[in-house]
Amino acid sequence: MNYLPGTASLVEEIDKKQLVVLRDGRTLIGFLRSIDQFANLVLQHTIERIHVGKKYGDIPRGIFVIRGDNVVLLGEIDRDNEGTSTLEKVPIEEILEMQREEQLSRQQEEEQKRKALLERGIMLCNDTIQDDI
């Protein structure tokens, strides 16, 4: 096996089952079918895996084209150990509801922190700029 520089090293990963973590936090699992010089990926038989605590759910996505800029992590799935997870698989509807509840809980915690800081005279700056109209 020779070392290939840059995205050319991904050639050896084609037709293998891969896990891809995107910048927005999503986790995709599928078979790598194609790559290009920009590390854009094509996954086939893709599922989106959602984790909440010790549970997970899979949403079938089919063929997925991923821009290389959005890839945080790419790794081959070990087919021998694939089914030996300590996580519990739950139906899609249940994991989506759990994810929504987790997001609402985080938003409420952030709002409470913001209010506590504001009471102490500390104002957080927003990342977005709002124009006064």
N, C-alpha and C. Protein backbone atom coordinates (compact mmCIF):
# COMPACT_ATOMS: atom_id res chain seq x y z
N MET A 1 0.85 -1.18 0.00
CA MET A 1 0.00 0.00 0.00
C MET A 1 0.90 1.24 0.00
N ASN A 2 0.77 2.06 -1.00
CA ASN A 2 1.55 3.29 -1.14
C ASN A 2 0.77 4.47 -0.60
N TYR A 3 1.50 5.46 -0.08
CA TYR A 3 0.86 6.68 0.40
C TYR A 3 0.52 7.56 -0.78
N LEU A 4 -0.71 8.05 -0.81
CA LEU A 4 -1.14 8.99 -1.84
C LEU A 4 -1.45 10.31 -1.17
N PRO A 5 -0.97 11.43 -1.70
CA PRO A 5 -1.21 12.73 -1.07
C PRO A 5 -2.64 13.22 -1.28
N GLY A 6 -3.12 14.00 -0.32
CA GLY A 6 -4.41 14.67 -0.45
C GLY A 6 -5.58 13.71 -0.58
N THR A 7 -6.57 14.13 -1.37
CA THR A 7 -7.78 13.33 -1.50
C THR A 7 -7.54 12.05 -2.29
N ALA A 8 -6.43 11.94 -2.98
CA ALA A 8 -6.13 10.71 -3.72
C ALA A 8 -6.05 9.52 -2.77
N SER A 9 -5.72 9.77 -1.50
CA SER A 9 -5.63 8.68 -0.53
C SER A 9 -7.00 8.06 -0.25
N LEU A 10 -8.08 8.76 -0.61
CA LEU A 10 -9.43 8.21 -0.42
C LEU A 10 -9.79 7.16 -1.46
N VAL A 11 -8.99 7.03 -2.50
CA VAL A 11 -9.29 6.05 -3.55
C VAL A 11 -9.40 4.65 -2.96
N GLU A 12 -8.56 4.34 -1.99
CA GLU A 12 -8.58 3.01 -1.37
C GLU A 12 -9.83 2.78 -0.52
N GLU A 13 -10.56 3.84 -0.20
CA GLU A 13 -11.77 3.71 0.62
C GLU A 13 -13.04 3.52 -0.21
N ILE A 14 -12.94 3.61 -1.53
CA ILE A 14 -14.11 3.46 -2.39
C ILE A 14 -14.67 2.06 -2.26
N ASP A 15 -16.00 1.97 -2.25
CA ASP A 15 -16.77 0.73 -2.11
C ASP A 15 -16.71 0.14 -0.71
N LYS A 16 -16.26 0.91 0.27
CA LYS A 16 -16.26 0.47 1.66
C LYS A 16 -17.30 1.29 2.42
N LYS A 17 -17.84 0.69 3.48
CA LYS A 17 -18.83 1.38 4.31
C LYS A 17 -18.11 2.41 5.17
N GLN A 18 -18.58 3.66 5.09
CA GLN A 18 -17.92 4.78 5.76
C GLN A 18 -18.88 5.50 6.70
N LEU A 19 -18.33 6.07 7.75
CA LEU A 19 -19.05 6.97 8.64
C LEU A 19 -18.52 8.37 8.35
N VAL A 20 -19.43 9.32 8.14
CA VAL A 20 -19.04 10.69 7.84
C VAL A 20 -19.74 11.61 8.84
N VAL A 21 -18.95 12.46 9.51
CA VAL A 21 -19.51 13.47 10.40
C VAL A 21 -19.39 14.81 9.69
N LEU A 22 -20.52 15.53 9.60
CA LEU A 22 -20.56 16.81 8.89
C LEU A 22 -20.39 17.97 9.87
N ARG A 23 -20.07 19.14 9.33
CA ARG A 23 -19.89 20.35 10.15
C ARG A 23 -21.13 20.71 10.96
N ASP A 24 -22.30 20.41 10.44
CA ASP A 24 -23.52 20.74 11.17
C ASP A 24 -23.88 19.71 12.23
N GLY A 25 -23.00 18.69 12.41
CA GLY A 25 -23.20 17.71 13.47
C GLY A 25 -23.88 16.43 13.03
N ARG A 26 -24.38 16.40 11.81
CA ARG A 26 -25.05 15.17 11.35
C ARG A 26 -24.04 14.06 11.14
N THR A 27 -24.50 12.83 11.35
CA THR A 27 -23.68 11.64 11.14
C THR A 27 -24.33 10.82 10.03
N LEU A 28 -23.56 10.53 8.99
CA LEU A 28 -24.05 9.73 7.86
C LEU A 28 -23.24 8.46 7.76
N ILE A 29 -23.91 7.37 7.38
CA ILE A 29 -23.24 6.10 7.17
C ILE A 29 -23.69 5.57 5.81
N GLY A 30 -22.71 5.22 4.97
CA GLY A 30 -23.05 4.70 3.65
C GLY A 30 -21.81 4.20 2.94
N PHE A 31 -22.00 3.67 1.75
CA PHE A 31 -20.90 3.14 0.95
C PHE A 31 -20.34 4.25 0.07
N LEU A 32 -19.04 4.50 0.21
CA LEU A 32 -18.37 5.53 -0.59
C LEU A 32 -18.29 5.05 -2.03
N ARG A 33 -18.88 5.80 -2.95
CA ARG A 33 -18.91 5.39 -4.35
C ARG A 33 -18.04 6.27 -5.23
N SER A 34 -17.83 7.54 -4.83
CA SER A 34 -17.04 8.43 -5.69
C SER A 34 -16.45 9.56 -4.87
N ILE A 35 -15.30 10.06 -5.34
CA ILE A 35 -14.65 11.23 -4.75
C ILE A 35 -14.09 12.08 -5.88
N ASP A 36 -13.76 13.32 -5.59
CA ASP A 36 -13.06 14.15 -6.57
C ASP A 36 -11.92 14.89 -5.89
N GLN A 37 -11.26 15.77 -6.64
CA GLN A 37 -10.08 16.46 -6.11
C GLN A 37 -10.40 17.42 -4.98
N PHE A 38 -11.67 17.76 -4.78
CA PHE A 38 -12.08 18.66 -3.71
C PHE A 38 -12.60 17.91 -2.49
N ALA A 39 -12.46 16.60 -2.50
CA ALA A 39 -12.95 15.71 -1.43
C ALA A 39 -14.47 15.70 -1.35
N ASN A 40 -15.14 16.07 -2.45
CA ASN A 40 -16.58 15.87 -2.51
C ASN A 40 -16.83 14.37 -2.54
N LEU A 41 -17.86 13.91 -1.83
CA LEU A 41 -18.12 12.49 -1.68
C LEU A 41 -19.50 12.13 -2.21
N VAL A 42 -19.63 10.92 -2.69
CA VAL A 42 -20.93 10.36 -3.03
C VAL A 42 -21.08 9.09 -2.20
N LEU A 43 -22.13 9.06 -1.36
CA LEU A 43 -22.43 7.88 -0.56
C LEU A 43 -23.69 7.23 -1.09
N GLN A 44 -23.69 5.90 -1.13
CA GLN A 44 -24.86 5.15 -1.57
C GLN A 44 -25.39 4.33 -0.40
N HIS A 45 -26.69 4.06 -0.40
CA HIS A 45 -27.35 3.35 0.70
C HIS A 45 -27.08 4.07 2.02
N THR A 46 -27.21 5.38 1.99
CA THR A 46 -26.87 6.22 3.13
C THR A 46 -28.00 6.24 4.16
N ILE A 47 -27.59 6.22 5.42
CA ILE A 47 -28.52 6.46 6.52
C ILE A 47 -27.98 7.63 7.33
N GLU A 48 -28.89 8.41 7.90
CA GLU A 48 -28.51 9.45 8.84
C GLU A 48 -28.76 8.90 10.22
N ARG A 49 -27.73 8.85 11.05
CA ARG A 49 -27.86 8.29 12.39
C ARG A 49 -27.94 9.43 13.39
N ILE A 50 -28.99 9.39 14.22
CA ILE A 50 -29.21 10.42 15.24
C ILE A 50 -29.01 9.77 16.60
N HIS A 51 -28.13 10.37 17.41
CA HIS A 51 -27.85 9.89 18.75
C HIS A 51 -28.45 10.83 19.78
N VAL A 52 -29.12 10.25 20.76
CA VAL A 52 -29.61 11.01 21.91
C VAL A 52 -29.35 10.13 23.13
N GLY A 53 -28.42 10.55 23.95
CA GLY A 53 -28.06 9.75 25.12
C GLY A 53 -27.52 8.40 24.67
N LYS A 54 -28.10 7.34 25.22
CA LYS A 54 -27.66 5.97 24.90
C LYS A 54 -28.54 5.32 23.83
N LYS A 55 -29.32 6.14 23.12
CA LYS A 55 -30.20 5.61 22.09
C LYS A 55 -29.86 6.24 20.74
N TYR A 56 -30.23 5.53 19.67
CA TYR A 56 -30.02 6.07 18.34
C TYR A 56 -31.12 5.59 17.41
N GLY A 57 -31.28 6.33 16.32
CA GLY A 57 -32.24 5.97 15.28
C GLY A 57 -31.63 6.26 13.93
N ASP A 58 -32.03 5.49 12.94
CA ASP A 58 -31.51 5.64 11.58
C ASP A 58 -32.61 6.10 10.64
N ILE A 59 -32.28 7.12 9.84
CA ILE A 59 -33.20 7.61 8.82
C ILE A 59 -32.58 7.29 7.46
N PRO A 60 -33.26 6.49 6.64
CA PRO A 60 -32.72 6.18 5.31
C PRO A 60 -32.69 7.43 4.43
N ARG A 61 -31.55 7.67 3.76
CA ARG A 61 -31.39 8.86 2.91
C ARG A 61 -31.06 8.51 1.46
N GLY A 62 -30.69 7.28 1.15
CA GLY A 62 -30.40 6.89 -0.24
C GLY A 62 -29.04 7.37 -0.69
N ILE A 63 -28.98 7.95 -1.89
CA ILE A 63 -27.72 8.48 -2.41
C ILE A 63 -27.54 9.89 -1.87
N PHE A 64 -26.34 10.17 -1.36
CA PHE A 64 -26.07 11.44 -0.70
C PHE A 64 -24.80 12.02 -1.30
N VAL A 65 -24.87 13.26 -1.79
CA VAL A 65 -23.70 13.97 -2.31
C VAL A 65 -23.28 14.97 -1.24
N ILE A 66 -22.01 14.89 -0.84
CA ILE A 66 -21.50 15.72 0.25
C ILE A 66 -20.37 16.60 -0.26
N ARG A 67 -20.50 17.89 -0.07
CA ARG A 67 -19.42 18.80 -0.43
C ARG A 67 -18.25 18.59 0.53
N GLY A 68 -17.05 18.51 0.01
CA GLY A 68 -15.87 18.22 0.80
C GLY A 68 -15.65 19.19 1.95
N ASP A 69 -16.02 20.47 1.78
CA ASP A 69 -15.86 21.48 2.83
C ASP A 69 -16.66 21.13 4.09
N ASN A 70 -17.71 20.34 3.94
CA ASN A 70 -18.59 20.04 5.07
C ASN A 70 -18.17 18.82 5.87
N VAL A 71 -17.16 18.10 5.41
CA VAL A 71 -16.73 16.88 6.08
C VAL A 71 -15.78 17.22 7.23
N VAL A 72 -16.14 16.75 8.43
CA VAL A 72 -15.28 16.91 9.59
C VAL A 72 -14.47 15.64 9.81
N LEU A 73 -15.14 14.49 9.63
CA LEU A 73 -14.50 13.22 9.90
C LEU A 73 -15.01 12.18 8.92
N LEU A 74 -14.12 11.34 8.45
CA LEU A 74 -14.47 10.24 7.55
C LEU A 74 -13.71 9.02 8.00
N GLY A 75 -14.41 7.92 8.22
CA GLY A 75 -13.73 6.71 8.66
C GLY A 75 -14.48 5.47 8.23
N GLU A 76 -13.72 4.40 8.01
CA GLU A 76 -14.32 3.14 7.59
C GLU A 76 -15.00 2.46 8.78
N ILE A 77 -16.16 1.87 8.51
CA ILE A 77 -16.89 1.11 9.52
C ILE A 77 -16.28 -0.29 9.58
N ASP A 78 -15.96 -0.74 10.78
CA ASP A 78 -15.45 -2.10 10.97
C ASP A 78 -16.62 -3.07 10.88
N ARG A 79 -16.71 -3.78 9.78
CA ARG A 79 -17.86 -4.67 9.53
C ARG A 79 -17.95 -5.79 10.56
N ASP A 80 -16.82 -6.21 11.13
CA ASP A 80 -16.83 -7.30 12.11
C ASP A 80 -17.43 -6.86 13.44
N ASN A 81 -17.24 -5.60 13.82
CA ASN A 81 -17.73 -5.09 15.10
C ASN A 81 -18.94 -4.18 14.96
N GLU A 82 -19.53 -4.14 13.78
CA GLU A 82 -20.61 -3.19 13.52
C GLU A 82 -21.82 -3.39 14.43
N GLY A 83 -22.17 -4.59 14.75
CA GLY A 83 -23.38 -4.85 15.55
C GLY A 83 -23.13 -4.95 17.04
N THR A 84 -21.93 -4.65 17.50
CA THR A 84 -21.60 -4.82 18.92
C THR A 84 -21.65 -3.50 19.68
N SER A 85 -22.69 -2.74 19.48
CA SER A 85 -22.82 -1.44 20.14
C SER A 85 -23.57 -1.58 21.45
N THR A 86 -23.24 -0.74 22.41
CA THR A 86 -23.97 -0.71 23.69
C THR A 86 -25.18 0.22 23.61
N LEU A 87 -25.36 0.87 22.46
CA LEU A 87 -26.49 1.78 22.28
C LEU A 87 -27.73 1.01 21.89
N GLU A 88 -28.90 1.56 22.24
CA GLU A 88 -30.18 0.94 21.93
C GLU A 88 -30.79 1.61 20.70
N LYS A 89 -31.17 0.79 19.72
CA LYS A 89 -31.82 1.33 18.52
C LYS A 89 -33.30 1.50 18.80
N VAL A 90 -33.83 2.69 18.44
CA VAL A 90 -35.24 2.98 18.65
C VAL A 90 -35.84 3.44 17.32
N PRO A 91 -37.17 3.42 17.20
CA PRO A 91 -37.82 3.86 15.95
C PRO A 91 -37.51 5.32 15.63
N ILE A 92 -37.59 5.67 14.36
CA ILE A 92 -37.27 7.01 13.87
C ILE A 92 -38.09 8.08 14.59
N GLU A 93 -39.40 7.84 14.72
CA GLU A 93 -40.29 8.82 15.34
C GLU A 93 -39.86 9.11 16.78
N GLU A 94 -39.48 8.05 17.49
CA GLU A 94 -39.08 8.21 18.90
C GLU A 94 -37.77 8.99 19.01
N ILE A 95 -36.79 8.69 18.17
CA ILE A 95 -35.51 9.39 18.27
C ILE A 95 -35.66 10.86 17.85
N LEU A 96 -36.52 11.13 16.86
CA LEU A 96 -36.74 12.52 16.45
C LEU A 96 -37.40 13.32 17.57
N GLU A 97 -38.34 12.70 18.29
CA GLU A 97 -38.99 13.37 19.41
C GLU A 97 -37.98 13.62 20.53
N MET A 98 -37.13 12.63 20.80
CA MET A 98 -36.10 12.80 21.83
C MET A 98 -35.11 13.90 21.44
N GLN A 99 -34.77 13.98 20.17
CA GLN A 99 -33.86 15.01 19.69
C GLN A 99 -34.49 16.39 19.85
N ARG A 100 -35.78 16.51 19.52
CA ARG A 100 -36.48 17.78 19.65
C ARG A 100 -36.53 18.22 21.12
N GLU A 101 -36.82 17.28 22.02
CA GLU A 101 -36.86 17.60 23.44
C GLU A 101 -35.49 18.03 23.95
N GLU A 102 -34.43 17.36 23.48
CA GLU A 102 -33.07 17.72 23.88
C GLU A 102 -32.71 19.13 23.41
N GLN A 103 -33.10 19.48 22.18
CA GLN A 103 -32.83 20.81 21.65
C GLN A 103 -33.59 21.88 22.43
N LEU A 104 -34.86 21.60 22.76
CA LEU A 104 -35.64 22.56 23.56
C LEU A 104 -35.01 22.76 24.94
N SER A 105 -34.55 21.68 25.54
CA SER A 105 -33.91 21.76 26.85
C SER A 105 -32.64 22.62 26.78
N ARG A 106 -31.84 22.43 25.75
CA ARG A 106 -30.62 23.24 25.57
C ARG A 106 -30.96 24.71 25.39
N GLN A 107 -32.00 24.99 24.59
CA GLN A 107 -32.40 26.38 24.36
C GLN A 107 -32.85 27.03 25.67
N GLN A 108 -33.59 26.29 26.48
CA GLN A 108 -34.05 26.83 27.75
C GLN A 108 -32.88 27.09 28.69
N GLU A 109 -31.90 26.19 28.71
CA GLU A 109 -30.71 26.39 29.55
C GLU A 109 -29.94 27.63 29.10
N GLU A 110 -29.78 27.80 27.79
CA GLU A 110 -29.07 28.96 27.26
C GLU A 110 -29.81 30.25 27.62
N GLU A 111 -31.13 30.22 27.54
CA GLU A 111 -31.93 31.40 27.87
C GLU A 111 -31.78 31.74 29.36
N GLN A 112 -31.78 30.72 30.22
CA GLN A 112 -31.60 30.95 31.64
C GLN A 112 -30.21 31.54 31.93
N LYS A 113 -29.19 31.04 31.27
CA LYS A 113 -27.83 31.57 31.45
C LYS A 113 -27.76 33.02 31.00
N ARG A 114 -28.40 33.31 29.85
CA ARG A 114 -28.39 34.67 29.33
C ARG A 114 -29.08 35.62 30.29
N LYS A 115 -30.22 35.20 30.85
CA LYS A 115 -30.94 36.05 31.81
C LYS A 115 -30.12 36.27 33.08
N ALA A 116 -29.45 35.20 33.57
CA ALA A 116 -28.64 35.33 34.77
C ALA A 116 -27.48 36.30 34.54
N LEU A 117 -26.85 36.24 33.39
CA LEU A 117 -25.76 37.16 33.07
C LEU A 117 -26.28 38.58 32.92
N LEU A 118 -27.45 38.73 32.30
CA LEU A 118 -28.04 40.05 32.10
C LEU A 118 -28.36 40.70 33.45
N GLU A 119 -28.84 39.90 34.42
CA GLU A 119 -29.12 40.42 35.76
C GLU A 119 -27.85 40.92 36.44
N ARG A 120 -26.72 40.36 36.08
CA ARG A 120 -25.44 40.78 36.66
C ARG A 120 -24.78 41.89 35.84
N GLY A 121 -25.49 42.37 34.81
CA GLY A 121 -24.99 43.46 34.01
C GLY A 121 -24.09 43.04 32.86
N ILE A 122 -24.10 41.76 32.54
CA ILE A 122 -23.27 41.25 31.44
C ILE A 122 -24.18 40.94 30.26
N MET A 123 -23.90 41.57 29.14
CA MET A 123 -24.71 41.34 27.95
C MET A 123 -23.87 40.60 26.92
N LEU A 124 -24.40 39.52 26.42
CA LEU A 124 -23.71 38.75 25.39
C LEU A 124 -23.98 39.35 24.02
N CYS A 125 -22.96 39.36 23.18
CA CYS A 125 -23.13 39.85 21.82
C CYS A 125 -23.69 38.73 20.94
N ASN A 126 -24.61 39.08 20.06
CA ASN A 126 -25.14 38.11 19.11
C ASN A 126 -24.18 37.98 17.94
N ASP A 127 -24.18 36.79 17.34
CA ASP A 127 -23.35 36.56 16.16
C ASP A 127 -23.92 37.26 14.93
N THR A 128 -25.21 37.53 14.96
CA THR A 128 -25.84 38.17 13.81
C THR A 128 -25.95 39.66 14.06
N ILE A 129 -25.84 40.41 13.00
CA ILE A 129 -25.95 41.86 13.07
C ILE A 129 -27.35 42.23 12.58
N GLN A 130 -28.05 42.98 13.40
CA GLN A 130 -29.39 43.41 13.03
C GLN A 130 -29.36 44.89 12.69
N ASP A 131 -29.93 45.23 11.55
CA ASP A 131 -30.02 46.64 11.15
C ASP A 131 -31.25 47.26 11.77
N ASP A 132 -31.10 48.48 12.26
CA ASP A 132 -32.27 49.22 12.76
C ASP A 132 -33.01 49.79 11.57
N ILE A 133 -34.29 49.50 11.52
CA ILE A 133 -35.10 49.98 10.40
C ILE A 133 -35.97 51.12 10.86
